[in-house]
Amino acid sequence: PLLVRWPGRAKPGAVVSTPVHAVDLLPTLFAWAGAQAPAGHLLDGVDFTPLLSGQRLRERPFFWYMPFYDYRWAHT
């Protein structure tokens, strides 16, 4: 879940079902600030600004990995 409040840019009450991830925040904030990542710095995420105006993002896979190396976590 993600909430965005940006008067004049994000439509109040809009619900978007396109998933975004925490890694998308940095490229999005760079775009909002008119900045770019340092040369040679690869970003895993994508700018989700188009979602605020009803556009779509390209489809991409999402992967989660959560190893249970410490079995105490599994027995709570």
C-alpha atoms as a PDB file:
ATOM      1  CA  PRO A   1       0.000   0.000   0.000  1.00  0.00           C
ATOM      2  CA  LEU A   2       1.135   3.507  -0.766  1.00  0.00           C
ATOM      3  CA  LEU A   3      -0.535   6.848  -0.186  1.00  0.00           C
ATOM      4  CA  VAL A   4       0.379   9.919  -2.211  1.00  0.00           C
ATOM      5  CA  ARG A   5      -0.879  13.398  -1.469  1.00  0.00           C
ATOM      6  CA  TRP A   6       0.275  15.960  -3.985  1.00  0.00           C
ATOM      7  CA  PRO A   7      -2.291  18.744  -4.537  1.00  0.00           C
ATOM      8  CA  GLY A   8      -2.619  19.615  -8.197  1.00  0.00           C
ATOM      9  CA  ARG A   9      -0.775  16.479  -9.326  1.00  0.00           C
ATOM     10  CA  ALA A  10      -2.429  13.463  -7.678  1.00  0.00           C
ATOM     11  CA  LYS A  11      -6.202  13.188  -7.991  1.00  0.00           C
ATOM     12  CA  PRO A  12      -7.817  13.046  -4.529  1.00  0.00           C
ATOM     13  CA  GLY A  13      -9.490   9.710  -3.827  1.00  0.00           C
ATOM     14  CA  ALA A  14      -7.958   7.972  -6.838  1.00  0.00           C
ATOM     15  CA  VAL A  15      -7.197   4.279  -6.431  1.00  0.00           C
ATOM     16  CA  VAL A  16      -4.520   2.689  -8.617  1.00  0.00           C
ATOM     17  CA  SER A  17      -4.079  -1.081  -8.650  1.00  0.00           C
ATOM     18  CA  THR A  18      -0.632  -1.068 -10.278  1.00  0.00           C
ATOM     19  CA  PRO A  19       1.884  -2.389  -7.765  1.00  0.00           C
ATOM     20  CA  VAL A  20       4.853  -0.255  -6.805  1.00  0.00           C
ATOM     21  CA  HIS A  21       7.741  -1.148  -4.527  1.00  0.00           C
ATOM     22  CA  ALA A  22       9.922   0.727  -2.056  1.00  0.00           C
ATOM     23  CA  VAL A  23      12.734   0.725  -4.651  1.00  0.00           C
ATOM     24  CA  ASP A  24      10.515   2.912  -6.850  1.00  0.00           C
ATOM     25  CA  LEU A  25      10.650   5.791  -4.375  1.00  0.00           C
ATOM     26  CA  LEU A  26      14.190   6.927  -5.208  1.00  0.00           C
ATOM     27  CA  PRO A  27      13.707   7.213  -8.990  1.00  0.00           C
ATOM     28  CA  THR A  28      10.353   8.915  -8.395  1.00  0.00           C
ATOM     29  CA  LEU A  29      11.800  11.441  -5.962  1.00  0.00           C
ATOM     30  CA  PHE A  30      14.689  12.127  -8.361  1.00  0.00           C
ATOM     31  CA  ALA A  31      12.120  12.863 -11.087  1.00  0.00           C
ATOM     32  CA  TRP A  32      10.068  15.134  -8.826  1.00  0.00           C
ATOM     33  CA  ALA A  33      13.198  17.062  -7.848  1.00  0.00           C
ATOM     34  CA  GLY A  34      14.384  17.333 -11.458  1.00  0.00           C
ATOM     35  CA  ALA A  35      17.510  15.398 -10.536  1.00  0.00           C
ATOM     36  CA  GLN A  36      19.265  12.293 -11.823  1.00  0.00           C
ATOM     37  CA  ALA A  37      21.089   9.450 -10.151  1.00  0.00           C
ATOM     38  CA  PRO A  38      24.866   9.857 -10.107  1.00  0.00           C
ATOM     39  CA  ALA A  39      26.628   8.579 -13.221  1.00  0.00           C
ATOM     40  CA  GLY A  40      27.082   4.829 -13.080  1.00  0.00           C
ATOM     41  CA  HIS A  41      24.562   4.365 -10.264  1.00  0.00           C
ATOM     42  CA  LEU A  42      21.930   1.864 -11.384  1.00  0.00           C
ATOM     43  CA  LEU A  43      18.451   2.153  -9.919  1.00  0.00           C
ATOM     44  CA  ASP A  44      16.339  -0.950  -9.404  1.00  0.00           C
ATOM     45  CA  GLY A  45      13.042   0.905  -9.335  1.00  0.00           C
ATOM     46  CA  VAL A  46      11.078   3.005 -11.794  1.00  0.00           C
ATOM     47  CA  ASP A  47       9.509   6.460 -11.596  1.00  0.00           C
ATOM     48  CA  PHE A  48       5.814   5.926 -10.797  1.00  0.00           C
ATOM     49  CA  THR A  49       4.772   9.519 -11.563  1.00  0.00           C
ATOM     50  CA  PRO A  50       2.727   8.447 -14.634  1.00  0.00           C
ATOM     51  CA  LEU A  51       0.360   6.577 -12.313  1.00  0.00           C
ATOM     52  CA  LEU A  52      -0.684   9.883 -10.748  1.00  0.00           C
ATOM     53  CA  SER A  53      -2.182  11.055 -14.039  1.00  0.00           C
ATOM     54  CA  GLY A  54      -3.906   7.790 -14.951  1.00  0.00           C
ATOM     55  CA  GLN A  55      -1.167   6.446 -17.194  1.00  0.00           C
ATOM     56  CA  ARG A  56       0.296   2.971 -16.977  1.00  0.00           C
ATOM     57  CA  LEU A  57       3.734   1.638 -16.196  1.00  0.00           C
ATOM     58  CA  ARG A  58       5.363  -1.101 -18.189  1.00  0.00           C
ATOM     59  CA  GLU A  59       4.726  -4.526 -16.727  1.00  0.00           C
ATOM     60  CA  ARG A  60       7.568  -5.988 -14.722  1.00  0.00           C
ATOM     61  CA  PRO A  61       8.096  -8.983 -12.473  1.00  0.00           C
ATOM     62  CA  PHE A  62       8.181  -8.654  -8.708  1.00  0.00           C
ATOM     63  CA  PHE A  63      10.202 -11.049  -6.569  1.00  0.00           C
ATOM     64  CA  TRP A  64      10.321 -11.490  -2.815  1.00  0.00           C
ATOM     65  CA  TYR A  65      12.956 -13.440  -0.953  1.00  0.00           C
ATOM     66  CA  MET A  66      12.809 -13.984   2.756  1.00  0.00           C
ATOM     67  CA  PRO A  67      15.068 -16.765   4.000  1.00  0.00           C
ATOM     68  CA  PHE A  68      14.519 -18.104   7.476  1.00  0.00           C
ATOM     69  CA  TYR A  69      18.116 -18.572   8.528  1.00  0.00           C
ATOM     70  CA  ASP A  70      17.096 -18.033  12.118  1.00  0.00           C
ATOM     71  CA  TYR A  71      14.402 -20.609  12.822  1.00  0.00           C
ATOM     72  CA  ARG A  72      13.205 -18.706  15.898  1.00  0.00           C
ATOM     73  CA  TRP A  73      11.355 -16.378  13.490  1.00  0.00           C
ATOM     74  CA  ALA A  74       9.345 -19.311  12.167  1.00  0.00           C
ATOM     75  CA  HIS A  75       8.216 -20.410  15.639  1.00  0.00           C
ATOM     76  CA  THR A  76       6.681 -17.230  16.989  1.00  0.00           C
END
